[in-house]
Amino acid sequence: FAEEISDESFGGYEQQLVFAALKYIQEHYPDASLDEL
């Protein structure tokens, strides 16, 4: 249920960005790009 879990679940801005990035890779891996992220 990662989509329903807020990135703000993690303490600290950096941790929130990491969680958002991992969600993006997990869900969009076939055509994911660092520029898009």
PDB file of all heavy atoms in Angstrom:
ATOM      1  N   PHE A   1       0.826  -1.199   0.000  1.00  0.00           N
ATOM      2  CA  PHE A   1       0.000   0.000   0.000  1.00  0.00           C
ATOM      3  C   PHE A   1       0.864   1.254   0.000  1.00  0.00           C
ATOM      4  O   PHE A   1       0.495   2.270   0.578  1.00  0.00           O
ATOM      5  CB  PHE A   1      -0.939   0.009   1.211  1.00  0.00           C
ATOM      6  CG  PHE A   1      -2.079  -0.959   1.102  1.00  0.00           C
ATOM      7  CD1 PHE A   1      -2.010  -2.202   1.709  1.00  0.00           C
ATOM      8  CD2 PHE A   1      -3.219  -0.643   0.382  1.00  0.00           C
ATOM      9  CE1 PHE A   1      -3.060  -3.097   1.616  1.00  0.00           C
ATOM     10  CE2 PHE A   1      -4.268  -1.532   0.272  1.00  0.00           C
ATOM     11  CZ  PHE A   1      -4.197  -2.773   0.898  1.00  0.00           C
ATOM     12  N   ALA A   2       2.017   1.179  -0.647  1.00  0.00           N
ATOM     13  CA  ALA A   2       2.970   2.296  -0.619  1.00  0.00           C
ATOM     14  C   ALA A   2       2.357   3.596  -1.121  1.00  0.00           C
ATOM     15  O   ALA A   2       2.702   4.676  -0.652  1.00  0.00           O
ATOM     16  CB  ALA A   2       4.210   1.950  -1.443  1.00  0.00           C
ATOM     17  N   GLU A   3       1.444   3.524  -2.076  1.00  0.00           N
ATOM     18  CA  GLU A   3       0.832   4.741  -2.607  1.00  0.00           C
ATOM     19  C   GLU A   3       0.028   5.468  -1.539  1.00  0.00           C
ATOM     20  O   GLU A   3      -0.085   6.689  -1.548  1.00  0.00           O
ATOM     21  CB  GLU A   3      -0.078   4.398  -3.793  1.00  0.00           C
ATOM     22  CG  GLU A   3       0.660   4.235  -5.094  1.00  0.00           C
ATOM     23  CD  GLU A   3       1.391   5.505  -5.503  1.00  0.00           C
ATOM     24  OE1 GLU A   3       0.812   6.600  -5.418  1.00  0.00           O
ATOM     25  OE2 GLU A   3       2.561   5.394  -5.897  1.00  0.00           O
ATOM     26  N   GLU A   4      -0.575   4.690  -0.604  1.00  0.00           N
ATOM     27  CA  GLU A   4      -1.377   5.304   0.448  1.00  0.00           C
ATOM     28  C   GLU A   4      -0.530   5.780   1.620  1.00  0.00           C
ATOM     29  O   GLU A   4      -1.019   6.469   2.502  1.00  0.00           O
ATOM     30  CB  GLU A   4      -2.427   4.304   0.976  1.00  0.00           C
ATOM     31  CG  GLU A   4      -3.594   4.056   0.022  1.00  0.00           C
ATOM     32  CD  GLU A   4      -3.276   3.055  -1.073  1.00  0.00           C
ATOM     33  OE1 GLU A   4      -2.153   2.519  -1.072  1.00  0.00           O
ATOM     34  OE2 GLU A   4      -4.146   2.823  -1.914  1.00  0.00           O
ATOM     35  N   ILE A   5       0.752   5.392   1.645  1.00  0.00           N
ATOM     36  CA  ILE A   5       1.633   5.780   2.736  1.00  0.00           C
ATOM     37  C   ILE A   5       2.332   7.082   2.361  1.00  0.00           C
ATOM     38  O   ILE A   5       2.996   7.174   1.346  1.00  0.00           O
ATOM     39  CB  ILE A   5       2.677   4.686   3.019  1.00  0.00           C
ATOM     40  CG1 ILE A   5       1.969   3.407   3.481  1.00  0.00           C
ATOM     41  CG2 ILE A   5       3.667   5.127   4.088  1.00  0.00           C
ATOM     42  CD1 ILE A   5       2.872   2.207   3.569  1.00  0.00           C
ATOM     43  N   SER A   6       2.153   8.090   3.180  1.00  0.00           N
ATOM     44  CA  SER A   6       2.724   9.401   2.897  1.00  0.00           C
ATOM     45  C   SER A   6       4.246   9.369   2.966  1.00  0.00           C
ATOM     46  O   SER A   6       4.826   8.708   3.824  1.00  0.00           O
ATOM     47  CB  SER A   6       2.188  10.426   3.904  1.00  0.00           C
ATOM     48  OG  SER A   6       2.902  11.634   3.812  1.00  0.00           O
ATOM     49  N   ASP A   7       4.886  10.121   2.065  1.00  0.00           N
ATOM     50  CA  ASP A   7       6.337  10.273   2.147  1.00  0.00           C
ATOM     51  C   ASP A   7       6.739  10.909   3.476  1.00  0.00           C
ATOM     52  O   ASP A   7       7.859  10.738   3.944  1.00  0.00           O
ATOM     53  CB  ASP A   7       6.848  11.141   0.994  1.00  0.00           C
ATOM     54  CG  ASP A   7       6.516  10.543  -0.364  1.00  0.00           C
ATOM     55  OD1 ASP A   7       6.295   9.323  -0.429  1.00  0.00           O
ATOM     56  OD2 ASP A   7       6.461  11.299  -1.342  1.00  0.00           O
ATOM     57  N   GLU A   8       5.817  11.666   4.072  1.00  0.00           N
ATOM     58  CA  GLU A   8       6.098  12.336   5.336  1.00  0.00           C
ATOM     59  C   GLU A   8       6.103  11.365   6.511  1.00  0.00           C
ATOM     60  O   GLU A   8       6.318  11.774   7.652  1.00  0.00           O
ATOM     61  CB  GLU A   8       5.077  13.448   5.582  1.00  0.00           C
ATOM     62  CG  GLU A   8       5.142  14.562   4.532  1.00  0.00           C
ATOM     63  CD  GLU A   8       4.087  15.618   4.727  1.00  0.00           C
ATOM     64  OE1 GLU A   8       3.276  15.474   5.656  1.00  0.00           O
ATOM     65  OE2 GLU A   8       4.070  16.589   3.950  1.00  0.00           O
ATOM     66  N   SER A   9       5.854  10.074   6.231  1.00  0.00           N
ATOM     67  CA  SER A   9       5.924   9.068   7.289  1.00  0.00           C
ATOM     68  C   SER A   9       7.314   9.017   7.907  1.00  0.00           C
ATOM     69  O   SER A   9       7.467   8.666   9.071  1.00  0.00           O
ATOM     70  CB  SER A   9       5.580   7.678   6.728  1.00  0.00           C
ATOM     71  OG  SER A   9       4.258   7.652   6.251  1.00  0.00           O
ATOM     72  N   PHE A  10       8.326   9.363   7.123  1.00  0.00           N
ATOM     73  CA  PHE A  10       9.707   9.274   7.578  1.00  0.00           C
ATOM     74  C   PHE A  10      10.137  10.599   8.181  1.00  0.00           C
ATOM     75  O   PHE A  10       9.830  11.667   7.649  1.00  0.00           O
ATOM     76  CB  PHE A  10      10.630   8.910   6.413  1.00  0.00           C
ATOM     77  CG  PHE A  10      10.441   7.514   5.926  1.00  0.00           C
ATOM     78  CD1 PHE A  10       9.437   7.204   5.032  1.00  0.00           C
ATOM     79  CD2 PHE A  10      11.249   6.489   6.383  1.00  0.00           C
ATOM     80  CE1 PHE A  10       9.249   5.905   4.592  1.00  0.00           C
ATOM     81  CE2 PHE A  10      11.067   5.190   5.944  1.00  0.00           C
ATOM     82  CZ  PHE A  10      10.068   4.903   5.052  1.00  0.00           C
ATOM     83  N   GLY A  11      10.853  10.506   9.299  1.00  0.00           N
ATOM     84  CA  GLY A  11      11.351  11.705   9.942  1.00  0.00           C
ATOM     85  C   GLY A  11      12.497  12.306   9.150  1.00  0.00           C
ATOM     86  O   GLY A  11      13.480  11.644   8.863  1.00  0.00           O
ATOM     87  N   GLY A  12      12.359  13.569   8.772  1.00  0.00           N
ATOM     88  CA  GLY A  12      13.430  14.247   8.079  1.00  0.00           C
ATOM     89  C   GLY A  12      13.202  14.335   6.584  1.00  0.00           C
ATOM     90  O   GLY A  12      12.683  13.410   5.952  1.00  0.00           O
ATOM     91  N   TYR A  13      13.573  15.445   6.001  1.00  0.00           N
ATOM     92  CA  TYR A  13      13.337  15.698   4.584  1.00  0.00           C
ATOM     93  C   TYR A  13      14.086  14.710   3.698  1.00  0.00           C
ATOM     94  O   TYR A  13      13.545  14.208   2.708  1.00  0.00           O
ATOM     95  CB  TYR A  13      13.749  17.133   4.252  1.00  0.00           C
ATOM     96  CG  TYR A  13      13.551  17.520   2.816  1.00  0.00           C
ATOM     97  CD1 TYR A  13      12.265  17.544   2.252  1.00  0.00           C
ATOM     98  CD2 TYR A  13      14.628  17.867   2.008  1.00  0.00           C
ATOM     99  CE1 TYR A  13      12.067  17.905   0.935  1.00  0.00           C
ATOM    100  CE2 TYR A  13      14.445  18.229   0.680  1.00  0.00           C
ATOM    101  CZ  TYR A  13      13.172  18.244   0.148  1.00  0.00           C
ATOM    102  OH  TYR A  13      12.966  18.600  -1.171  1.00  0.00           O
ATOM    103  N   GLU A  14      15.334  14.414   4.031  1.00  0.00           N
ATOM    104  CA  GLU A  14      16.110  13.493   3.203  1.00  0.00           C
ATOM    105  C   GLU A  14      15.463  12.118   3.166  1.00  0.00           C
ATOM    106  O   GLU A  14      15.364  11.495   2.104  1.00  0.00           O
ATOM    107  CB  GLU A  14      17.545  13.389   3.734  1.00  0.00           C
ATOM    108  CG  GLU A  14      18.396  14.612   3.453  1.00  0.00           C
ATOM    109  CD  GLU A  14      19.844  14.389   3.829  1.00  0.00           C
ATOM    110  OE1 GLU A  14      20.147  13.366   4.488  1.00  0.00           O
ATOM    111  OE2 GLU A  14      20.679  15.238   3.463  1.00  0.00           O
ATOM    112  N   GLN A  15      15.020  11.617   4.339  1.00  0.00           N
ATOM    113  CA  GLN A  15      14.392  10.296   4.392  1.00  0.00           C
ATOM    114  C   GLN A  15      13.105  10.271   3.571  1.00  0.00           C
ATOM    115  O   GLN A  15      12.781   9.271   2.932  1.00  0.00           O
ATOM    116  CB  GLN A  15      14.105   9.897   5.838  1.00  0.00           C
ATOM    117  CG  GLN A  15      15.341   9.697   6.690  1.00  0.00           C
ATOM    118  CD  GLN A  15      15.691  10.939   7.478  1.00  0.00           C
ATOM    119  OE1 GLN A  15      15.592  12.055   6.974  1.00  0.00           O
ATOM    120  NE2 GLN A  15      16.107  10.757   8.712  1.00  0.00           N
ATOM    121  N   GLN A  16      12.362  11.384   3.590  1.00  0.00           N
ATOM    122  CA  GLN A  16      11.130  11.465   2.797  1.00  0.00           C
ATOM    123  C   GLN A  16      11.439  11.381   1.308  1.00  0.00           C
ATOM    124  O   GLN A  16      10.734  10.707   0.543  1.00  0.00           O
ATOM    125  CB  GLN A  16      10.398  12.769   3.122  1.00  0.00           C
ATOM    126  CG  GLN A  16       9.855  12.842   4.533  1.00  0.00           C
ATOM    127  CD  GLN A  16       9.414  14.231   4.926  1.00  0.00           C
ATOM    128  OE1 GLN A  16       9.169  15.069   4.068  1.00  0.00           O
ATOM    129  NE2 GLN A  16       9.327  14.492   6.215  1.00  0.00           N
ATOM    130  N   LEU A  17      12.517  12.048   0.883  1.00  0.00           N
ATOM    131  CA  LEU A  17      12.913  11.991  -0.524  1.00  0.00           C
ATOM    132  C   LEU A  17      13.353  10.588  -0.920  1.00  0.00           C
ATOM    133  O   LEU A  17      13.025  10.107  -2.013  1.00  0.00           O
ATOM    134  CB  LEU A  17      14.047  12.986  -0.790  1.00  0.00           C
ATOM    135  CG  LEU A  17      13.683  14.471  -0.783  1.00  0.00           C
ATOM    136  CD1 LEU A  17      14.929  15.309  -0.996  1.00  0.00           C
ATOM    137  CD2 LEU A  17      12.641  14.800  -1.846  1.00  0.00           C
ATOM    138  N   VAL A  18      14.094   9.920  -0.032  1.00  0.00           N
ATOM    139  CA  VAL A  18      14.548   8.555  -0.322  1.00  0.00           C
ATOM    140  C   VAL A  18      13.346   7.638  -0.491  1.00  0.00           C
ATOM    141  O   VAL A  18      13.278   6.835  -1.436  1.00  0.00           O
ATOM    142  CB  VAL A  18      15.480   8.036   0.787  1.00  0.00           C
ATOM    143  CG1 VAL A  18      15.754   6.547   0.604  1.00  0.00           C
ATOM    144  CG2 VAL A  18      16.798   8.801   0.765  1.00  0.00           C
ATOM    145  N   PHE A  19      12.377   7.736   0.419  1.00  0.00           N
ATOM    146  CA  PHE A  19      11.182   6.893   0.330  1.00  0.00           C
ATOM    147  C   PHE A  19      10.427   7.157  -0.968  1.00  0.00           C
ATOM    148  O   PHE A  19       9.988   6.237  -1.656  1.00  0.00           O
ATOM    149  CB  PHE A  19      10.288   7.149   1.540  1.00  0.00           C
ATOM    150  CG  PHE A  19       9.101   6.230   1.629  1.00  0.00           C
ATOM    151  CD1 PHE A  19       9.271   4.885   1.891  1.00  0.00           C
ATOM    152  CD2 PHE A  19       7.816   6.713   1.455  1.00  0.00           C
ATOM    153  CE1 PHE A  19       8.181   4.029   1.977  1.00  0.00           C
ATOM    154  CE2 PHE A  19       6.721   5.865   1.539  1.00  0.00           C
ATOM    155  CZ  PHE A  19       6.906   4.530   1.808  1.00  0.00           C
ATOM    156  N   ALA A  20      10.289   8.440  -1.333  1.00  0.00           N
ATOM    157  CA  ALA A  20       9.605   8.791  -2.582  1.00  0.00           C
ATOM    158  C   ALA A  20      10.356   8.234  -3.784  1.00  0.00           C
ATOM    159  O   ALA A  20       9.746   7.732  -4.739  1.00  0.00           O
ATOM    160  CB  ALA A  20       9.471  10.311  -2.688  1.00  0.00           C
ATOM    161  N   ALA A  21      11.672   8.313  -3.752  1.00  0.00           N
ATOM    162  CA  ALA A  21      12.476   7.796  -4.862  1.00  0.00           C
ATOM    163  C   ALA A  21      12.346   6.285  -4.986  1.00  0.00           C
ATOM    164  O   ALA A  21      12.223   5.749  -6.096  1.00  0.00           O
ATOM    165  CB  ALA A  21      13.943   8.189  -4.665  1.00  0.00           C
ATOM    166  N   LEU A  22      12.358   5.584  -3.854  1.00  0.00           N
ATOM    167  CA  LEU A  22      12.229   4.127  -3.892  1.00  0.00           C
ATOM    168  C   LEU A  22      10.837   3.707  -4.367  1.00  0.00           C
ATOM    169  O   LEU A  22      10.699   2.713  -5.087  1.00  0.00           O
ATOM    170  CB  LEU A  22      12.530   3.543  -2.512  1.00  0.00           C
ATOM    171  CG  LEU A  22      13.988   3.685  -2.045  1.00  0.00           C
ATOM    172  CD1 LEU A  22      14.151   3.151  -0.638  1.00  0.00           C
ATOM    173  CD2 LEU A  22      14.942   2.977  -2.993  1.00  0.00           C
ATOM    174  N   LYS A  23       9.814   4.446  -3.961  1.00  0.00           N
ATOM    175  CA  LYS A  23       8.470   4.163  -4.474  1.00  0.00           C
ATOM    176  C   LYS A  23       8.431   4.321  -5.994  1.00  0.00           C
ATOM    177  O   LYS A  23       7.844   3.506  -6.707  1.00  0.00           O
ATOM    178  CB  LYS A  23       7.440   5.103  -3.840  1.00  0.00           C
ATOM    179  CG  LYS A  23       7.003   4.716  -2.447  1.00  0.00           C
ATOM    180  CD  LYS A  23       5.642   5.280  -2.080  1.00  0.00           C
ATOM    181  CE  LYS A  23       5.599   6.771  -2.049  1.00  0.00           C
ATOM    182  NZ  LYS A  23       4.292   7.291  -1.579  1.00  0.00           N
ATOM    183  N   TYR A  24       9.060   5.380  -6.458  1.00  0.00           N
ATOM    184  CA  TYR A  24       9.086   5.637  -7.904  1.00  0.00           C
ATOM    185  C   TYR A  24       9.788   4.499  -8.642  1.00  0.00           C
ATOM    186  O   TYR A  24       9.275   3.983  -9.645  1.00  0.00           O
ATOM    187  CB  TYR A  24       9.791   6.967  -8.161  1.00  0.00           C
ATOM    188  CG  TYR A  24      10.095   7.227  -9.612  1.00  0.00           C
ATOM    189  CD1 TYR A  24       9.108   7.689 -10.473  1.00  0.00           C
ATOM    190  CD2 TYR A  24      11.379   7.019 -10.121  1.00  0.00           C
ATOM    191  CE1 TYR A  24       9.388   7.923 -11.819  1.00  0.00           C
ATOM    192  CE2 TYR A  24      11.668   7.258 -11.450  1.00  0.00           C
ATOM    193  CZ  TYR A  24      10.663   7.703 -12.295  1.00  0.00           C
ATOM    194  OH  TYR A  24      10.933   7.932 -13.630  1.00  0.00           O
ATOM    195  N   ILE A  25      10.959   4.076  -8.158  1.00  0.00           N
ATOM    196  CA  ILE A  25      11.691   2.984  -8.814  1.00  0.00           C
ATOM    197  C   ILE A  25      10.887   1.692  -8.751  1.00  0.00           C
ATOM    198  O   ILE A  25      10.804   0.948  -9.742  1.00  0.00           O
ATOM    199  CB  ILE A  25      13.072   2.793  -8.141  1.00  0.00           C
ATOM    200  CG1 ILE A  25      13.965   4.002  -8.401  1.00  0.00           C
ATOM    201  CG2 ILE A  25      13.747   1.517  -8.661  1.00  0.00           C
ATOM    202  CD1 ILE A  25      15.261   3.989  -7.609  1.00  0.00           C
ATOM    203  N   GLN A  26      10.301   1.411  -7.609  1.00  0.00           N
ATOM    204  CA  GLN A  26       9.541   0.183  -7.434  1.00  0.00           C
ATOM    205  C   GLN A  26       8.384   0.084  -8.427  1.00  0.00           C
ATOM    206  O   GLN A  26       8.108  -0.973  -8.973  1.00  0.00           O
ATOM    207  CB  GLN A  26       9.001   0.110  -5.994  1.00  0.00           C
ATOM    208  CG  GLN A  26       8.269  -1.176  -5.657  1.00  0.00           C
ATOM    209  CD  GLN A  26       9.174  -2.390  -5.653  1.00  0.00           C
ATOM    210  OE1 GLN A  26      10.370  -2.280  -5.377  1.00  0.00           O
ATOM    211  NE2 GLN A  26       8.631  -3.538  -5.974  1.00  0.00           N
ATOM    212  N   GLU A  27       7.730   1.203  -8.675  1.00  0.00           N
ATOM    213  CA  GLU A  27       6.509   1.190  -9.487  1.00  0.00           C
ATOM    214  C   GLU A  27       6.751   1.483 -10.964  1.00  0.00           C
ATOM    215  O   GLU A  27       5.981   1.037 -11.818  1.00  0.00           O
ATOM    216  CB  GLU A  27       5.520   2.225  -8.920  1.00  0.00           C
ATOM    217  CG  GLU A  27       5.054   1.886  -7.505  1.00  0.00           C
ATOM    218  CD  GLU A  27       4.499   3.082  -6.776  1.00  0.00           C
ATOM    219  OE1 GLU A  27       4.314   4.139  -7.413  1.00  0.00           O
ATOM    220  OE2 GLU A  27       4.247   2.969  -5.557  1.00  0.00           O
ATOM    221  N   HIS A  28       7.832   2.205 -11.297  1.00  0.00           N
ATOM    222  CA  HIS A  28       8.032   2.657 -12.670  1.00  0.00           C
ATOM    223  C   HIS A  28       9.330   2.128 -13.284  1.00  0.00           C
ATOM    224  O   HIS A  28       9.827   2.690 -14.271  1.00  0.00           O
ATOM    225  CB  HIS A  28       8.046   4.194 -12.709  1.00  0.00           C
ATOM    226  CG  HIS A  28       6.801   4.826 -12.181  1.00  0.00           C
ATOM    227  ND1 HIS A  28       5.623   4.854 -12.883  1.00  0.00           N
ATOM    228  CD2 HIS A  28       6.544   5.439 -10.990  1.00  0.00           C
ATOM    229  CE1 HIS A  28       4.691   5.474 -12.171  1.00  0.00           C
ATOM    230  NE2 HIS A  28       5.226   5.831 -11.012  1.00  0.00           N
ATOM    231  N   TYR A  29       9.858   1.041 -12.727  1.00  0.00           N
ATOM    232  CA  TYR A  29      11.176   0.555 -13.127  1.00  0.00           C
ATOM    233  C   TYR A  29      11.345   0.296 -14.627  1.00  0.00           C
ATOM    234  O   TYR A  29      12.448   0.498 -15.159  1.00  0.00           O
ATOM    235  CB  TYR A  29      11.549  -0.710 -12.339  1.00  0.00           C
ATOM    236  CG  TYR A  29      10.649  -1.886 -12.590  1.00  0.00           C
ATOM    237  CD1 TYR A  29      10.928  -2.800 -13.589  1.00  0.00           C
ATOM    238  CD2 TYR A  29       9.501  -2.079 -11.836  1.00  0.00           C
ATOM    239  CE1 TYR A  29      10.094  -3.877 -13.845  1.00  0.00           C
ATOM    240  CE2 TYR A  29       8.665  -3.153 -12.069  1.00  0.00           C
ATOM    241  CZ  TYR A  29       8.958  -4.043 -13.073  1.00  0.00           C
ATOM    242  OH  TYR A  29       8.123  -5.091 -13.312  1.00  0.00           O
ATOM    243  N   PRO A  30      10.335  -0.127 -15.384  1.00  0.00           N
ATOM    244  CA  PRO A  30      10.621  -0.418 -16.805  1.00  0.00           C
ATOM    245  C   PRO A  30      11.094   0.804 -17.578  1.00  0.00           C
ATOM    246  O   PRO A  30      11.915   0.677 -18.499  1.00  0.00           O
ATOM    247  CB  PRO A  30       9.272  -0.932 -17.335  1.00  0.00           C
ATOM    248  CG  PRO A  30       8.570  -1.462 -16.122  1.00  0.00           C
ATOM    249  CD  PRO A  30       8.955  -0.511 -15.025  1.00  0.00           C
ATOM    250  N   ASP A  31      10.572   1.992 -17.237  1.00  0.00           N
ATOM    251  CA  ASP A  31      10.970   3.186 -17.988  1.00  0.00           C
ATOM    252  C   ASP A  31      11.330   4.349 -17.068  1.00  0.00           C
ATOM    253  O   ASP A  31      11.230   5.516 -17.452  1.00  0.00           O
ATOM    254  CB  ASP A  31       9.853   3.610 -18.949  1.00  0.00           C
ATOM    255  CG  ASP A  31       8.516   3.789 -18.233  1.00  0.00           C
ATOM    256  OD1 ASP A  31       8.472   3.678 -16.984  1.00  0.00           O
ATOM    257  OD2 ASP A  31       7.512   4.068 -18.919  1.00  0.00           O
ATOM    258  N   ALA A  32      11.764   4.043 -15.847  1.00  0.00           N
ATOM    259  CA  ALA A  32      12.124   5.091 -14.892  1.00  0.00           C
ATOM    260  C   ALA A  32      13.378   5.825 -15.348  1.00  0.00           C
ATOM    261  O   ALA A  32      14.266   5.243 -15.969  1.00  0.00           O
ATOM    262  CB  ALA A  32      12.347   4.481 -13.504  1.00  0.00           C
ATOM    263  N   SER A  33      13.455   7.115 -14.999  1.00  0.00           N
ATOM    264  CA  SER A  33      14.658   7.893 -15.291  1.00  0.00           C
ATOM    265  C   SER A  33      14.919   8.853 -14.143  1.00  0.00           C
ATOM    266  O   SER A  33      13.985   9.335 -13.495  1.00  0.00           O
ATOM    267  CB  SER A  33      14.499   8.677 -16.597  1.00  0.00           C
ATOM    268  OG  SER A  33      13.657   9.802 -16.412  1.00  0.00           O
ATOM    269  N   LEU A  34      16.187   9.116 -13.904  1.00  0.00           N
ATOM    270  CA  LEU A  34      16.565  10.034 -12.832  1.00  0.00           C
ATOM    271  C   LEU A  34      16.055  11.439 -13.126  1.00  0.00           C
ATOM    272  O   LEU A  34      15.623  12.150 -12.212  1.00  0.00           O
ATOM    273  CB  LEU A  34      18.089  10.035 -12.670  1.00  0.00           C
ATOM    274  CG  LEU A  34      18.654  10.911 -11.542  1.00  0.00           C
ATOM    275  CD1 LEU A  34      18.073  10.524 -10.193  1.00  0.00           C
ATOM    276  CD2 LEU A  34      20.174  10.809 -11.517  1.00  0.00           C
ATOM    277  N   ASP A  35      16.080  11.863 -14.392  1.00  0.00           N
ATOM    278  CA  ASP A  35      15.590  13.195 -14.750  1.00  0.00           C
ATOM    279  C   ASP A  35      14.116  13.350 -14.401  1.00  0.00           C
ATOM    280  O   ASP A  35      13.698  14.377 -13.846  1.00  0.00           O
ATOM    281  CB  ASP A  35      15.791  13.448 -16.248  1.00  0.00           C
ATOM    282  CG  ASP A  35      17.254  13.689 -16.610  1.00  0.00           C
ATOM    283  OD1 ASP A  35      18.033  14.032 -15.706  1.00  0.00           O
ATOM    284  OD2 ASP A  35      17.600  13.521 -17.803  1.00  0.00           O
ATOM    285  N   GLU A  36      13.324  12.335 -14.741  1.00  0.00           N
ATOM    286  CA  GLU A  36      11.887  12.392 -14.458  1.00  0.00           C
ATOM    287  C   GLU A  36      11.635  12.435 -12.953  1.00  0.00           C
ATOM    288  O   GLU A  36      10.797  13.203 -12.465  1.00  0.00           O
ATOM    289  CB  GLU A  36      11.180  11.186 -15.069  1.00  0.00           C
ATOM    290  CG  GLU A  36       9.665  11.193 -14.857  1.00  0.00           C
ATOM    291  CD  GLU A  36       9.003   9.992 -15.490  1.00  0.00           C
ATOM    292  OE1 GLU A  36       9.247   8.858 -15.003  1.00  0.00           O
ATOM    293  OE2 GLU A  36       8.242  10.171 -16.459  1.00  0.00           O
ATOM    294  N   LEU A  37      12.353  11.598 -12.187  1.00  0.00           N
ATOM    295  CA  LEU A  37      12.208  11.568 -10.740  1.00  0.00           C
ATOM    296  C   LEU A  37      12.545  12.919 -10.130  1.00  0.00           C
ATOM    297  O   LEU A  37      11.782  13.452  -9.309  1.00  0.00           O
ATOM    298  CB  LEU A  37      13.103  10.480 -10.147  1.00  0.00           C
ATOM    299  CG  LEU A  37      13.240  10.470  -8.621  1.00  0.00           C
ATOM    300  CD1 LEU A  37      11.910  10.189  -7.955  1.00  0.00           C
ATOM    301  CD2 LEU A  37      14.286   9.444  -8.188  1.00  0.00           C
TER     302      LEU A  37
END
